Amino acid sequence: MIRTATPADLDAVVQLHTEARATYYRGHLPEEEYAGAAEVGRSRGGWSRAIDRPDATVLCAERDGTLAGIAAFAVRDGVMHLTQLHVSPSHWRTGIGTELHTACVDAWRQAGVDSARLEVFVHNTRAQAFYADRGWASDPDHPRAGTHLVLRLTVS
């Protein structure tokens, strides 16, 4: 089931986000930068604001009453951004990421969005392959932002 997040989801969202990020940052960044107390607190504040913002959308994917995936998107500088898409590693390869991605694209189509952007960690080849399989390609105008690749999707 895909649904819109509520403030009651915040703890589970932060936990899933932290767990998922560890899978691709581990070995590339110091642990405190993705799972330290200060970073988890920063993440919690960001997710809380995103859930409460009327101009952002946070989606939750549930399996058997448990949060299994999350996605977030918002318009920034006039461009739709997929800011987060994470699936709990225990639910990888079960279709949850595809369901979340489809829900995002469907919402964009309904809103008349022509294209979207995202940033993916340069070492997160699993996510890069996932996005490439769904039509995302390097943004020709801004292919990189620091340690992240910038991808663009034409929404049709």
C-alpha atoms as a PDB file:
ATOM      1  CA  MET A   1       0.000   0.000   0.000  1.00  0.00           C
ATOM      2  CA  ILE A   2       1.281   3.478  -0.910  1.00  0.00           C
ATOM      3  CA  ARG A   3      -0.051   6.370   1.146  1.00  0.00           C
ATOM      4  CA  THR A   4       0.848   9.910   2.145  1.00  0.00           C
ATOM      5  CA  ALA A   5       3.000  10.169   5.267  1.00  0.00           C
ATOM      6  CA  THR A   6       1.661  11.679   8.473  1.00  0.00           C
ATOM      7  CA  PRO A   7       3.501  13.047  11.519  1.00  0.00           C
ATOM      8  CA  ALA A   8       2.860   9.689  13.223  1.00  0.00           C
ATOM      9  CA  ASP A   9       5.206   8.090  10.647  1.00  0.00           C
ATOM     10  CA  LEU A  10       8.186  10.271  11.537  1.00  0.00           C
ATOM     11  CA  ASP A  11      10.098   7.811  13.753  1.00  0.00           C
ATOM     12  CA  ALA A  12       9.741   4.947  11.276  1.00  0.00           C
ATOM     13  CA  VAL A  13      10.659   7.202   8.341  1.00  0.00           C
ATOM     14  CA  VAL A  14      13.849   8.412  10.048  1.00  0.00           C
ATOM     15  CA  GLN A  15      14.806   4.862  11.011  1.00  0.00           C
ATOM     16  CA  LEU A  16      14.284   3.549   7.467  1.00  0.00           C
ATOM     17  CA  HIS A  17      16.131   6.526   5.956  1.00  0.00           C
ATOM     18  CA  THR A  18      19.111   6.014   8.263  1.00  0.00           C
ATOM     19  CA  GLU A  19      19.217   2.265   7.598  1.00  0.00           C
ATOM     20  CA  ALA A  20      19.010   2.697   3.827  1.00  0.00           C
ATOM     21  CA  ARG A  21      21.645   5.434   3.678  1.00  0.00           C
ATOM     22  CA  ALA A  22      24.085   3.252   5.606  1.00  0.00           C
ATOM     23  CA  THR A  23      24.005   0.688   2.794  1.00  0.00           C
ATOM     24  CA  TYR A  24      25.512   3.070   0.261  1.00  0.00           C
ATOM     25  CA  TYR A  25      27.514   5.502   2.404  1.00  0.00           C
ATOM     26  CA  ARG A  26      29.286   2.833   4.484  1.00  0.00           C
ATOM     27  CA  GLY A  27      32.896   2.634   3.385  1.00  0.00           C
ATOM     28  CA  HIS A  28      32.711   5.978   1.581  1.00  0.00           C
ATOM     29  CA  LEU A  29      31.930   8.433   4.401  1.00  0.00           C
ATOM     30  CA  PRO A  30      32.670   8.446   8.107  1.00  0.00           C
ATOM     31  CA  GLU A  31      29.762   6.806   9.969  1.00  0.00           C
ATOM     32  CA  GLU A  32      28.949   9.965  11.918  1.00  0.00           C
ATOM     33  CA  GLU A  33      28.145  11.693   8.602  1.00  0.00           C
ATOM     34  CA  TYR A  34      25.265   9.321   7.791  1.00  0.00           C
ATOM     35  CA  ALA A  35      24.337   7.611  11.079  1.00  0.00           C
ATOM     36  CA  GLY A  36      25.746   9.769  13.869  1.00  0.00           C
ATOM     37  CA  ALA A  37      23.430  11.397  16.383  1.00  0.00           C
ATOM     38  CA  ALA A  38      23.799  14.869  14.871  1.00  0.00           C
ATOM     39  CA  GLU A  39      23.060  13.601  11.351  1.00  0.00           C
ATOM     40  CA  VAL A  40      20.060  11.550  12.479  1.00  0.00           C
ATOM     41  CA  GLY A  41      18.750  14.653  14.281  1.00  0.00           C
ATOM     42  CA  ARG A  42      19.232  16.751  11.141  1.00  0.00           C
ATOM     43  CA  SER A  43      17.478  14.078   9.104  1.00  0.00           C
ATOM     44  CA  ARG A  44      14.597  13.967  11.578  1.00  0.00           C
ATOM     45  CA  GLY A  45      14.130  17.735  11.283  1.00  0.00           C
ATOM     46  CA  GLY A  46      14.170  17.545   7.482  1.00  0.00           C
ATOM     47  CA  TRP A  47      11.642  14.730   7.333  1.00  0.00           C
ATOM     48  CA  SER A  48       9.399  16.480   9.854  1.00  0.00           C
ATOM     49  CA  ARG A  49       9.389  19.642   7.739  1.00  0.00           C
ATOM     50  CA  ALA A  50       8.774  17.656   4.534  1.00  0.00           C
ATOM     51  CA  ILE A  51       5.820  15.790   6.032  1.00  0.00           C
ATOM     52  CA  ASP A  52       4.278  19.050   7.241  1.00  0.00           C
ATOM     53  CA  ARG A  53       4.932  21.138   4.110  1.00  0.00           C
ATOM     54  CA  PRO A  54       1.911  21.707   1.901  1.00  0.00           C
ATOM     55  CA  ASP A  55       4.190  22.074  -1.153  1.00  0.00           C
ATOM     56  CA  ALA A  56       6.010  18.758  -0.656  1.00  0.00           C
ATOM     57  CA  THR A  57       4.865  15.161  -0.783  1.00  0.00           C
ATOM     58  CA  VAL A  58       6.152  12.263   1.304  1.00  0.00           C
ATOM     59  CA  LEU A  59       4.897   8.812   0.404  1.00  0.00           C
ATOM     60  CA  CYS A  60       5.079   5.667   2.520  1.00  0.00           C
ATOM     61  CA  ALA A  61       4.988   2.098   1.231  1.00  0.00           C
ATOM     62  CA  GLU A  62       3.703  -0.412   3.749  1.00  0.00           C
ATOM     63  CA  ARG A  63       3.924  -4.184   3.781  1.00  0.00           C
ATOM     64  CA  ASP A  64       2.016  -6.068   6.457  1.00  0.00           C
ATOM     65  CA  GLY A  65       1.622  -2.897   8.515  1.00  0.00           C
ATOM     66  CA  THR A  66       5.347  -2.088   8.469  1.00  0.00           C
ATOM     67  CA  LEU A  67       7.018   0.827   6.716  1.00  0.00           C
ATOM     68  CA  ALA A  68       9.024  -0.717   3.873  1.00  0.00           C
ATOM     69  CA  GLY A  69       9.812   2.305   1.678  1.00  0.00           C
ATOM     70  CA  ILE A  70       9.612   6.079   1.458  1.00  0.00           C
ATOM     71  CA  ALA A  71       9.745   8.686  -1.274  1.00  0.00           C
ATOM     72  CA  ALA A  72       9.627  12.478  -1.186  1.00  0.00           C
ATOM     73  CA  PHE A  73       9.354  15.125  -3.844  1.00  0.00           C
ATOM     74  CA  ALA A  74       8.881  18.874  -4.156  1.00  0.00           C
ATOM     75  CA  VAL A  75       9.382  21.703  -6.602  1.00  0.00           C
ATOM     76  CA  ARG A  76      12.642  23.565  -6.041  1.00  0.00           C
ATOM     77  CA  ASP A  77      13.667  26.531  -8.189  1.00  0.00           C
ATOM     78  CA  GLY A  78      10.800  25.762 -10.562  1.00  0.00           C
ATOM     79  CA  VAL A  79      11.902  22.143 -11.112  1.00  0.00           C
ATOM     80  CA  MET A  80      10.363  18.981  -9.669  1.00  0.00           C
ATOM     81  CA  HIS A  81      12.902  17.138  -7.512  1.00  0.00           C
ATOM     82  CA  LEU A  82      12.681  13.565  -6.319  1.00  0.00           C
ATOM     83  CA  THR A  83      14.503  14.306  -3.086  1.00  0.00           C
ATOM     84  CA  GLN A  84      14.302  10.853  -1.498  1.00  0.00           C
ATOM     85  CA  LEU A  85      13.450   7.305  -2.492  1.00  0.00           C
ATOM     86  CA  HIS A  86      14.514   4.591  -0.071  1.00  0.00           C
ATOM     87  CA  VAL A  87      13.488   0.996   0.473  1.00  0.00           C
ATOM     88  CA  SER A  88      14.349  -0.927   3.604  1.00  0.00           C
ATOM     89  CA  PRO A  89      17.146  -3.349   2.656  1.00  0.00           C
ATOM     90  CA  SER A  90      15.046  -6.214   4.025  1.00  0.00           C
ATOM     91  CA  HIS A  91      12.484  -5.404   1.289  1.00  0.00           C
ATOM     92  CA  TRP A  92      14.867  -4.942  -1.644  1.00  0.00           C
ATOM     93  CA  ARG A  93      13.842  -6.610  -4.905  1.00  0.00           C
ATOM     94  CA  THR A  94      10.198  -6.966  -3.877  1.00  0.00           C
ATOM     95  CA  GLY A  95       8.805  -4.223  -6.131  1.00  0.00           C
ATOM     96  CA  ILE A  96       8.438  -1.536  -3.472  1.00  0.00           C
ATOM     97  CA  GLY A  97      10.890   0.858  -5.109  1.00  0.00           C
ATOM     98  CA  THR A  98       9.085   0.466  -8.426  1.00  0.00           C
ATOM     99  CA  GLU A  99       5.706   1.076  -6.775  1.00  0.00           C
ATOM    100  CA  LEU A 100       6.985   4.233  -5.072  1.00  0.00           C
ATOM    101  CA  HIS A 101       8.600   5.482  -8.270  1.00  0.00           C
ATOM    102  CA  THR A 102       5.393   4.847 -10.222  1.00  0.00           C
ATOM    103  CA  ALA A 103       3.350   6.709  -7.593  1.00  0.00           C
ATOM    104  CA  CYS A 104       5.686   9.703  -7.872  1.00  0.00           C
ATOM    105  CA  VAL A 105       5.571   9.772 -11.683  1.00  0.00           C
ATOM    106  CA  ASP A 106       1.781   9.389 -11.650  1.00  0.00           C
ATOM    107  CA  ALA A 107       1.479  12.357  -9.281  1.00  0.00           C
ATOM    108  CA  TRP A 108       3.775  14.419 -11.504  1.00  0.00           C
ATOM    109  CA  ARG A 109       1.740  13.595 -14.597  1.00  0.00           C
ATOM    110  CA  GLN A 110      -1.459  14.603 -12.826  1.00  0.00           C
ATOM    111  CA  ALA A 111       0.187  17.888 -11.841  1.00  0.00           C
ATOM    112  CA  GLY A 112       1.371  18.557 -15.408  1.00  0.00           C
ATOM    113  CA  VAL A 113       5.071  18.158 -14.611  1.00  0.00           C
ATOM    114  CA  ASP A 114       7.218  17.806 -17.752  1.00  0.00           C
ATOM    115  CA  SER A 115      10.475  16.678 -16.157  1.00  0.00           C
ATOM    116  CA  ALA A 116      12.030  15.870 -12.807  1.00  0.00           C
ATOM    117  CA  ARG A 117      15.520  15.796 -11.344  1.00  0.00           C
ATOM    118  CA  LEU A 118      17.247  13.844  -8.631  1.00  0.00           C
ATOM    119  CA  GLU A 119      20.701  13.450  -7.152  1.00  0.00           C
ATOM    120  CA  VAL A 120      22.226  10.028  -6.481  1.00  0.00           C
ATOM    121  CA  PHE A 121      25.470   9.297  -4.619  1.00  0.00           C
ATOM    122  CA  VAL A 122      28.207   8.537  -7.128  1.00  0.00           C
ATOM    123  CA  HIS A 123      29.025   5.204  -5.413  1.00  0.00           C
ATOM    124  CA  ASN A 124      25.378   4.088  -5.172  1.00  0.00           C
ATOM    125  CA  THR A 125      25.430   1.987  -8.322  1.00  0.00           C
ATOM    126  CA  ARG A 126      22.363   0.004  -7.217  1.00  0.00           C
ATOM    127  CA  ALA A 127      20.236   3.176  -7.240  1.00  0.00           C
ATOM    128  CA  GLN A 128      21.814   4.391 -10.472  1.00  0.00           C
ATOM    129  CA  ALA A 129      20.807   1.155 -12.206  1.00  0.00           C
ATOM    130  CA  PHE A 130      17.291   1.389 -10.741  1.00  0.00           C
ATOM    131  CA  TYR A 131      16.846   4.913 -12.083  1.00  0.00           C
ATOM    132  CA  ALA A 132      18.381   4.125 -15.491  1.00  0.00           C
ATOM    133  CA  ASP A 133      15.920   1.241 -15.877  1.00  0.00           C
ATOM    134  CA  ARG A 134      13.110   3.755 -15.370  1.00  0.00           C
ATOM    135  CA  GLY A 135      14.328   6.264 -17.950  1.00  0.00           C
ATOM    136  CA  TRP A 136      16.450   8.631 -15.859  1.00  0.00           C
ATOM    137  CA  ALA A 137      19.587   9.930 -17.576  1.00  0.00           C
ATOM    138  CA  SER A 138      22.395  12.331 -16.781  1.00  0.00           C
ATOM    139  CA  ASP A 139      21.213  15.939 -16.634  1.00  0.00           C
ATOM    140  CA  PRO A 140      22.981  17.557 -19.600  1.00  0.00           C
ATOM    141  CA  ASP A 141      22.958  20.988 -17.959  1.00  0.00           C
ATOM    142  CA  HIS A 142      24.245  19.920 -14.526  1.00  0.00           C
ATOM    143  CA  PRO A 143      25.554  16.330 -14.588  1.00  0.00           C
ATOM    144  CA  ARG A 144      27.092  16.453 -11.111  1.00  0.00           C
ATOM    145  CA  ALA A 145      26.616  18.127  -7.732  1.00  0.00           C
ATOM    146  CA  GLY A 146      29.629  17.384  -5.560  1.00  0.00           C
ATOM    147  CA  THR A 147      29.613  13.667  -4.717  1.00  0.00           C
ATOM    148  CA  HIS A 148      26.266  13.125  -6.434  1.00  0.00           C
ATOM    149  CA  LEU A 149      25.253  12.548 -10.037  1.00  0.00           C
ATOM    150  CA  VAL A 150      22.310  14.628 -11.232  1.00  0.00           C
ATOM    151  CA  LEU A 151      19.737  12.730 -13.260  1.00  0.00           C
ATOM    152  CA  ARG A 152      16.723  13.962 -15.215  1.00  0.00           C
ATOM    153  CA  LEU A 153      13.529  12.210 -16.247  1.00  0.00           C
ATOM    154  CA  THR A 154      11.209  13.377 -18.982  1.00  0.00           C
ATOM    155  CA  VAL A 155       7.711  12.819 -17.641  1.00  0.00           C
ATOM    156  CA  SER A 156       5.378  11.905 -20.473  1.00  0.00           C
END
